[in-house]
C-alpha cells in the first residue's frame, strides 16, 4: 500500500515527465524546420548531422562538468 508521500512523489514525476516530453516535442519541430530552412534544398542531412553531433558533444560536456560522468 502506498503512503501519501509516495503518491505525491509519483504524481510529481509524472508531471515532470510530461513537461519534458512536451518540451522535447516542441523542440524537435522547431529544430527540424530551422535546419530545413538553413539547408535549403541541398545538404539538409549534412546540417542535421552536424547539429546532432554538436548537441551530443554539448550533452557529454555538460554531464562531465556536472559530475554525471563520475
Protein backbone atom coordinates (compact mmCIF):
# COMPACT_ATOMS: atom_id res chain seq x y z
CA UNK A 1 0.00 0.00 0.00
CA UNK A 2 1.32 3.44 -0.96
CA UNK A 3 1.55 6.22 1.57
CA UNK A 4 0.80 9.90 0.82
CA UNK A 5 4.49 10.78 0.28
CA UNK A 6 4.96 8.08 -2.35
CA UNK A 7 1.78 9.07 -4.18
CA UNK A 8 2.83 12.73 -4.30
CA UNK A 9 6.29 11.79 -5.47
CA UNK A 10 4.86 9.62 -8.23
CA UNK A 11 2.50 12.35 -9.44
CA UNK A 12 5.34 14.89 -9.45
CA UNK A 13 7.47 12.55 -11.52
CA UNK A 14 4.63 12.04 -13.97
CA UNK A 15 4.09 15.80 -14.28
CA UNK A 16 7.82 16.43 -14.72
CA UNK A 17 7.99 13.73 -17.38
CA UNK A 18 5.03 15.25 -19.22
CA UNK A 19 6.72 18.69 -19.23
CA UNK A 20 9.97 17.24 -20.55
CA UNK A 21 8.20 15.28 -23.30
CA UNK A 22 6.16 18.29 -24.44
CA UNK A 23 9.26 20.50 -24.46
CA UNK A 24 11.14 17.91 -26.48
CA UNK A 25 8.28 17.64 -28.97
CA UNK A 26 8.22 21.41 -29.46
CA UNK A 27 12.00 21.49 -29.85
CA UNK A 28 12.07 18.73 -32.46
CA UNK A 29 9.52 20.55 -34.62
CA UNK A 30 11.47 23.82 -34.29
CA UNK A 31 14.88 22.31 -34.99
CA UNK A 32 13.63 20.35 -38.00
CA UNK A 33 12.06 23.46 -39.56
CA UNK A 34 15.12 25.59 -38.80
CA UNK A 35 17.61 23.12 -40.22
CA UNK A 36 15.50 22.60 -43.35
CA UNK A 37 15.28 26.38 -43.84
CA UNK A 38 19.04 26.83 -43.38
CA UNK A 39 19.91 23.94 -45.66
CA UNK A 40 17.58 24.90 -48.46
CA UNK A 41 17.25 22.05 -50.93
CA UNK A 42 20.83 20.94 -50.55
CA UNK A 43 22.83 19.46 -47.68
CA UNK A 44 19.91 19.26 -45.22
CA UNK A 45 21.13 15.89 -43.97
CA UNK A 46 24.64 17.26 -43.53
CA UNK A 47 23.37 20.17 -41.43
CA UNK A 48 21.16 17.88 -39.40
CA UNK A 49 24.08 15.52 -38.77
CA UNK A 50 26.30 18.42 -37.72
CA UNK A 51 23.59 19.71 -35.38
CA UNK A 52 23.20 16.28 -33.76
CA UNK A 53 26.96 15.89 -33.41
CA UNK A 54 27.32 19.28 -31.72
CA UNK A 55 24.32 18.55 -29.49
CA UNK A 56 25.85 15.24 -28.44
CA UNK A 57 29.16 16.90 -27.61
CA UNK A 58 27.30 19.54 -25.57
CA UNK A 59 25.38 16.90 -23.64
CA UNK A 60 28.53 14.89 -22.94
CA UNK A 61 30.42 18.00 -21.81
CA UNK A 62 27.54 19.05 -19.57
CA UNK A 63 27.40 15.61 -17.97
CA UNK A 64 31.14 15.57 -17.36
CA UNK A 65 31.22 19.10 -15.93
CA UNK A 66 28.27 18.44 -13.62
CA UNK A 67 29.74 15.20 -12.33
CA UNK A 68 27.38 12.94 -14.27
CA UNK A 69 30.27 11.08 -15.83
CA UNK A 70 31.78 10.08 -12.49
